């Protein structure tokens, strides 16, 4: 065996890395993931909760992430027309929700926030078991200088909806 290090502990680490380097599943435990990969995993967790068969989820492509300035409306997912209509209808019936949205807007505008966007293409089984290709846009607020991997998962939006918003919308569509 070719010795490429001097310290026994370093040799052990190098040996393990060489052993698992060709094995992608073995690398899944690797603790040193990039911020982009941590963000992708968080987005995929939110996305998979909405699928008919979460265990069948398979990522085919990531697009991004990008971090850019955004309006408060974009941060709320209102670039998705269905999402905007849902919120406007809800706020028209609930003055407390409107007040909460106003506070959220002021916070966004005063906090030097940007929006991180990550496109995800995937395949997953539908309710009949057929594999279907899908695409989603994951967005989340990030302050200037913050690590994108530190975004609170509850604030991540898939196609404009946080997990909470999605649950409420599903209740409304099941009636």
C-alpha atoms as a PDB file:
ATOM      1  CA  UNK A   1       0.000   0.000   0.000  1.00  0.00           C
ATOM      2  CA  UNK A   2       1.314   3.439  -0.964  1.00  0.00           C
ATOM      3  CA  UNK A   3       1.697   5.609   2.111  1.00  0.00           C
ATOM      4  CA  UNK A   4       0.702   9.230   1.359  1.00  0.00           C
ATOM      5  CA  UNK A   5       0.746  10.668   4.861  1.00  0.00           C
ATOM      6  CA  UNK A   6       2.830  10.684   8.019  1.00  0.00           C
ATOM      7  CA  UNK A   7       0.333  10.798  10.894  1.00  0.00           C
ATOM      8  CA  UNK A   8      -1.673   7.640  11.673  1.00  0.00           C
ATOM      9  CA  UNK A   9      -4.889   9.638  12.186  1.00  0.00           C
ATOM     10  CA  UNK A  10      -4.443  11.460   8.881  1.00  0.00           C
ATOM     11  CA  UNK A  11      -3.702   8.158   7.151  1.00  0.00           C
ATOM     12  CA  UNK A  12      -6.879   6.670   8.591  1.00  0.00           C
ATOM     13  CA  UNK A  13      -8.969   9.565   7.261  1.00  0.00           C
ATOM     14  CA  UNK A  14      -7.287   9.368   3.847  1.00  0.00           C
ATOM     15  CA  UNK A  15      -7.841   5.597   3.809  1.00  0.00           C
ATOM     16  CA  UNK A  16     -11.548   6.006   4.590  1.00  0.00           C
ATOM     17  CA  UNK A  17     -11.922   8.699   1.937  1.00  0.00           C
ATOM     18  CA  UNK A  18     -10.250   6.522  -0.670  1.00  0.00           C
ATOM     19  CA  UNK A  19     -12.423   3.572   0.346  1.00  0.00           C
ATOM     20  CA  UNK A  20     -15.730   5.463  -0.009  1.00  0.00           C
ATOM     21  CA  UNK A  21     -14.791   7.887  -2.783  1.00  0.00           C
ATOM     22  CA  UNK A  22     -16.425   5.764  -5.462  1.00  0.00           C
ATOM     23  CA  UNK A  23     -19.515   5.035  -3.426  1.00  0.00           C
ATOM     24  CA  UNK A  24     -22.061   7.861  -3.569  1.00  0.00           C
ATOM     25  CA  UNK A  25     -24.448   6.408  -0.939  1.00  0.00           C
ATOM     26  CA  UNK A  26     -21.548   6.106   1.486  1.00  0.00           C
ATOM     27  CA  UNK A  27     -20.832   9.817   1.048  1.00  0.00           C
ATOM     28  CA  UNK A  28     -24.358  10.749   2.178  1.00  0.00           C
ATOM     29  CA  UNK A  29     -23.107  10.822   5.770  1.00  0.00           C
ATOM     30  CA  UNK A  30     -20.301  13.256   4.894  1.00  0.00           C
ATOM     31  CA  UNK A  31     -20.650  16.102   7.428  1.00  0.00           C
ATOM     32  CA  UNK A  32     -18.907  18.772   5.334  1.00  0.00           C
ATOM     33  CA  UNK A  33     -21.681  19.813   2.971  1.00  0.00           C
ATOM     34  CA  UNK A  34     -21.696  23.082   1.113  1.00  0.00           C
ATOM     35  CA  UNK A  35     -24.204  25.801   1.954  1.00  0.00           C
ATOM     36  CA  UNK A  36     -25.836  25.121  -1.405  1.00  0.00           C
ATOM     37  CA  UNK A  37     -26.281  21.426  -0.613  1.00  0.00           C
ATOM     38  CA  UNK A  38     -27.710  22.193   2.855  1.00  0.00           C
ATOM     39  CA  UNK A  39     -30.184  24.624   1.277  1.00  0.00           C
ATOM     40  CA  UNK A  40     -31.112  22.044  -1.381  1.00  0.00           C
ATOM     41  CA  UNK A  41     -31.751  19.412   1.303  1.00  0.00           C
ATOM     42  CA  UNK A  42     -33.960  21.799   3.293  1.00  0.00           C
ATOM     43  CA  UNK A  43     -35.926  22.727   0.157  1.00  0.00           C
ATOM     44  CA  UNK A  44     -36.282  19.079  -0.814  1.00  0.00           C
ATOM     45  CA  UNK A  45     -37.612  18.236   2.641  1.00  0.00           C
ATOM     46  CA  UNK A  46     -40.365  20.854   2.261  1.00  0.00           C
ATOM     47  CA  UNK A  47     -41.074  19.718  -1.312  1.00  0.00           C
ATOM     48  CA  UNK A  48     -41.190  15.999  -0.534  1.00  0.00           C
ATOM     49  CA  UNK A  49     -43.829  16.552   2.177  1.00  0.00           C
ATOM     50  CA  UNK A  50     -46.218  17.588  -0.608  1.00  0.00           C
ATOM     51  CA  UNK A  51     -45.698  14.594  -2.849  1.00  0.00           C
ATOM     52  CA  UNK A  52     -48.039  11.598  -3.092  1.00  0.00           C
ATOM     53  CA  UNK A  53     -45.042   9.294  -2.632  1.00  0.00           C
ATOM     54  CA  UNK A  54     -42.240  11.157  -0.817  1.00  0.00           C
ATOM     55  CA  UNK A  55     -40.011   8.078  -0.768  1.00  0.00           C
ATOM     56  CA  UNK A  56     -40.021   7.979  -4.582  1.00  0.00           C
ATOM     57  CA  UNK A  57     -38.554  11.495  -4.852  1.00  0.00           C
ATOM     58  CA  UNK A  58     -35.393  11.712  -6.960  1.00  0.00           C
ATOM     59  CA  UNK A  59     -33.628  14.958  -7.784  1.00  0.00           C
ATOM     60  CA  UNK A  60     -32.672  15.305 -11.437  1.00  0.00           C
ATOM     61  CA  UNK A  61     -31.299  18.856 -11.498  1.00  0.00           C
ATOM     62  CA  UNK A  62     -30.665  21.893  -9.338  1.00  0.00           C
ATOM     63  CA  UNK A  63     -30.705  25.354 -10.871  1.00  0.00           C
ATOM     64  CA  UNK A  64     -28.969  27.923  -8.703  1.00  0.00           C
ATOM     65  CA  UNK A  65     -29.059  28.969  -6.004  1.00  0.00           C
ATOM     66  CA  UNK A  66     -29.080  32.691  -6.652  1.00  0.00           C
ATOM     67  CA  UNK A  67     -29.367  35.472  -4.107  1.00  0.00           C
ATOM     68  CA  UNK A  68     -30.795  38.781  -5.269  1.00  0.00           C
ATOM     69  CA  UNK A  69     -32.809  41.778  -4.227  1.00  0.00           C
ATOM     70  CA  UNK A  70     -36.523  41.180  -4.250  1.00  0.00           C
ATOM     71  CA  UNK A  71     -39.699  43.028  -3.424  1.00  0.00           C
ATOM     72  CA  UNK A  72     -41.733  42.042  -0.418  1.00  0.00           C
ATOM     73  CA  UNK A  73     -44.405  40.747  -2.793  1.00  0.00           C
ATOM     74  CA  UNK A  74     -41.874  38.375  -4.362  1.00  0.00           C
ATOM     75  CA  UNK A  75     -40.806  37.247  -0.895  1.00  0.00           C
ATOM     76  CA  UNK A  76     -44.419  36.272  -0.203  1.00  0.00           C
ATOM     77  CA  UNK A  77     -44.617  34.161  -3.336  1.00  0.00           C
ATOM     78  CA  UNK A  78     -46.972  36.572  -5.051  1.00  0.00           C
ATOM     79  CA  UNK A  79     -45.167  36.105  -8.359  1.00  0.00           C
ATOM     80  CA  UNK A  80     -47.281  32.914  -8.393  1.00  0.00           C
ATOM     81  CA  UNK A  81     -50.735  34.272  -9.260  1.00  0.00           C
ATOM     82  CA  UNK A  82     -52.624  31.497  -7.445  1.00  0.00           C
ATOM     83  CA  UNK A  83     -50.726  32.272  -4.243  1.00  0.00           C
ATOM     84  CA  UNK A  84     -51.461  36.007  -4.467  1.00  0.00           C
ATOM     85  CA  UNK A  85     -55.191  35.407  -5.038  1.00  0.00           C
ATOM     86  CA  UNK A  86     -55.300  33.038  -2.058  1.00  0.00           C
ATOM     87  CA  UNK A  87     -53.692  35.623   0.257  1.00  0.00           C
ATOM     88  CA  UNK A  88     -55.816  38.519  -0.976  1.00  0.00           C
ATOM     89  CA  UNK A  89     -59.010  36.523  -0.439  1.00  0.00           C
ATOM     90  CA  UNK A  90     -57.891  35.531   3.045  1.00  0.00           C
ATOM     91  CA  UNK A  91     -56.925  39.098   4.014  1.00  0.00           C
ATOM     92  CA  UNK A  92     -60.246  40.456   2.753  1.00  0.00           C
ATOM     93  CA  UNK A  93     -62.004  38.206   5.303  1.00  0.00           C
ATOM     94  CA  UNK A  94     -59.536  38.630   8.147  1.00  0.00           C
ATOM     95  CA  UNK A  95     -58.345  42.047   9.356  1.00  0.00           C
ATOM     96  CA  UNK A  96     -55.775  40.458  11.704  1.00  0.00           C
ATOM     97  CA  UNK A  97     -54.159  38.681   8.758  1.00  0.00           C
ATOM     98  CA  UNK A  98     -54.016  41.958   6.846  1.00  0.00           C
ATOM     99  CA  UNK A  99     -52.387  43.657   9.839  1.00  0.00           C
ATOM    100  CA  UNK A 100     -49.866  40.797  10.106  1.00  0.00           C
ATOM    101  CA  UNK A 101     -49.016  41.121   6.408  1.00  0.00           C
ATOM    102  CA  UNK A 102     -48.500  44.881   6.824  1.00  0.00           C
ATOM    103  CA  UNK A 103     -46.085  44.258   9.706  1.00  0.00           C
ATOM    104  CA  UNK A 104     -44.265  41.623   7.678  1.00  0.00           C
ATOM    105  CA  UNK A 105     -43.888  44.070   4.800  1.00  0.00           C
ATOM    106  CA  UNK A 106     -42.422  46.769   7.046  1.00  0.00           C
ATOM    107  CA  UNK A 107     -39.986  44.253   8.551  1.00  0.00           C
ATOM    108  CA  UNK A 108     -38.871  43.098   5.085  1.00  0.00           C
ATOM    109  CA  UNK A 109     -38.364  46.640   3.851  1.00  0.00           C
ATOM    110  CA  UNK A 110     -36.369  47.696   6.919  1.00  0.00           C
ATOM    111  CA  UNK A 111     -34.227  44.564   7.273  1.00  0.00           C
ATOM    112  CA  UNK A 112     -31.971  44.582   4.200  1.00  0.00           C
ATOM    113  CA  UNK A 113     -33.302  41.195   3.119  1.00  0.00           C
ATOM    114  CA  UNK A 114     -32.628  39.427  -0.138  1.00  0.00           C
ATOM    115  CA  UNK A 115     -34.286  36.386  -1.623  1.00  0.00           C
ATOM    116  CA  UNK A 116     -32.493  33.117  -2.306  1.00  0.00           C
ATOM    117  CA  UNK A 117     -33.957  31.105  -5.180  1.00  0.00           C
ATOM    118  CA  UNK A 118     -33.275  27.482  -6.036  1.00  0.00           C
ATOM    119  CA  UNK A 119     -34.847  25.625  -8.944  1.00  0.00           C
ATOM    120  CA  UNK A 120     -35.407  21.905  -8.500  1.00  0.00           C
ATOM    121  CA  UNK A 121     -36.236  19.393 -11.205  1.00  0.00           C
ATOM    122  CA  UNK A 122     -37.240  15.981  -9.942  1.00  0.00           C
ATOM    123  CA  UNK A 123     -39.091  12.755 -10.560  1.00  0.00           C
ATOM    124  CA  UNK A 124     -41.584  11.209  -8.168  1.00  0.00           C
ATOM    125  CA  UNK A 125     -44.407   8.719  -8.309  1.00  0.00           C
ATOM    126  CA  UNK A 126     -47.973   9.951  -8.577  1.00  0.00           C
ATOM    127  CA  UNK A 127     -50.898   8.338  -6.753  1.00  0.00           C
ATOM    128  CA  UNK A 128     -50.980   5.572  -9.407  1.00  0.00           C
ATOM    129  CA  UNK A 129     -47.277   4.777  -8.973  1.00  0.00           C
ATOM    130  CA  UNK A 130     -46.214   6.237 -12.330  1.00  0.00           C
ATOM    131  CA  UNK A 131     -43.003   8.268 -12.277  1.00  0.00           C
ATOM    132  CA  UNK A 132     -43.739  11.884 -13.206  1.00  0.00           C
ATOM    133  CA  UNK A 133     -41.248  14.678 -13.856  1.00  0.00           C
ATOM    134  CA  UNK A 134     -41.811  17.839 -11.850  1.00  0.00           C
ATOM    135  CA  UNK A 135     -40.254  21.213 -11.216  1.00  0.00           C
ATOM    136  CA  UNK A 136     -40.372  23.549  -8.247  1.00  0.00           C
ATOM    137  CA  UNK A 137     -38.957  26.890  -7.202  1.00  0.00           C
ATOM    138  CA  UNK A 138     -37.739  27.137  -3.624  1.00  0.00           C
ATOM    139  CA  UNK A 139     -37.326  30.624  -2.162  1.00  0.00           C
ATOM    140  CA  UNK A 140     -36.411  31.975   1.233  1.00  0.00           C
ATOM    141  CA  UNK A 141     -35.411  35.246   2.868  1.00  0.00           C
ATOM    142  CA  UNK A 142     -31.786  35.880   3.722  1.00  0.00           C
ATOM    143  CA  UNK A 143     -30.147  38.958   5.193  1.00  0.00           C
ATOM    144  CA  UNK A 144     -27.138  40.434   3.479  1.00  0.00           C
ATOM    145  CA  UNK A 145     -24.034  38.554   4.614  1.00  0.00           C
ATOM    146  CA  UNK A 146     -25.895  35.596   6.164  1.00  0.00           C
ATOM    147  CA  UNK A 147     -25.187  32.025   5.081  1.00  0.00           C
ATOM    148  CA  UNK A 148     -27.942  30.629   2.855  1.00  0.00           C
ATOM    149  CA  UNK A 149     -27.727  27.332   4.733  1.00  0.00           C
ATOM    150  CA  UNK A 150     -29.020  29.076   7.871  1.00  0.00           C
ATOM    151  CA  UNK A 151     -32.460  29.946   6.450  1.00  0.00           C
ATOM    152  CA  UNK A 152     -35.244  28.851   8.773  1.00  0.00           C
ATOM    153  CA  UNK A 153     -36.936  25.893   7.010  1.00  0.00           C
ATOM    154  CA  UNK A 154     -40.363  27.185   8.072  1.00  0.00           C
ATOM    155  CA  UNK A 155     -39.761  30.298   5.954  1.00  0.00           C
ATOM    156  CA  UNK A 156     -38.880  28.353   2.797  1.00  0.00           C
ATOM    157  CA  UNK A 157     -41.489  28.540   0.066  1.00  0.00           C
ATOM    158  CA  UNK A 158     -42.068  25.976  -2.638  1.00  0.00           C
ATOM    159  CA  UNK A 159     -43.852  27.609  -5.571  1.00  0.00           C
ATOM    160  CA  UNK A 160     -44.887  30.433  -3.273  1.00  0.00           C
ATOM    161  CA  UNK A 161     -46.175  28.393  -0.320  1.00  0.00           C
ATOM    162  CA  UNK A 162     -44.523  27.720   3.037  1.00  0.00           C
ATOM    163  CA  UNK A 163     -45.381  24.353   4.612  1.00  0.00           C
ATOM    164  CA  UNK A 164     -47.969  26.059   6.816  1.00  0.00           C
ATOM    165  CA  UNK A 165     -49.503  27.999   3.901  1.00  0.00           C
ATOM    166  CA  UNK A 166     -49.638  24.790   1.847  1.00  0.00           C
ATOM    167  CA  UNK A 167     -51.463  22.923   4.610  1.00  0.00           C
ATOM    168  CA  UNK A 168     -54.048  25.699   4.959  1.00  0.00           C
ATOM    169  CA  UNK A 169     -54.535  25.886   1.180  1.00  0.00           C
ATOM    170  CA  UNK A 170     -55.105  22.103   1.045  1.00  0.00           C
ATOM    171  CA  UNK A 171     -57.815  22.345   3.695  1.00  0.00           C
ATOM    172  CA  UNK A 172     -59.498  25.056   1.628  1.00  0.00           C
ATOM    173  CA  UNK A 173     -59.397  22.996  -1.578  1.00  0.00           C
ATOM    174  CA  UNK A 174     -60.736  19.832   0.048  1.00  0.00           C
ATOM    175  CA  UNK A 175     -64.082  21.462   0.927  1.00  0.00           C
END
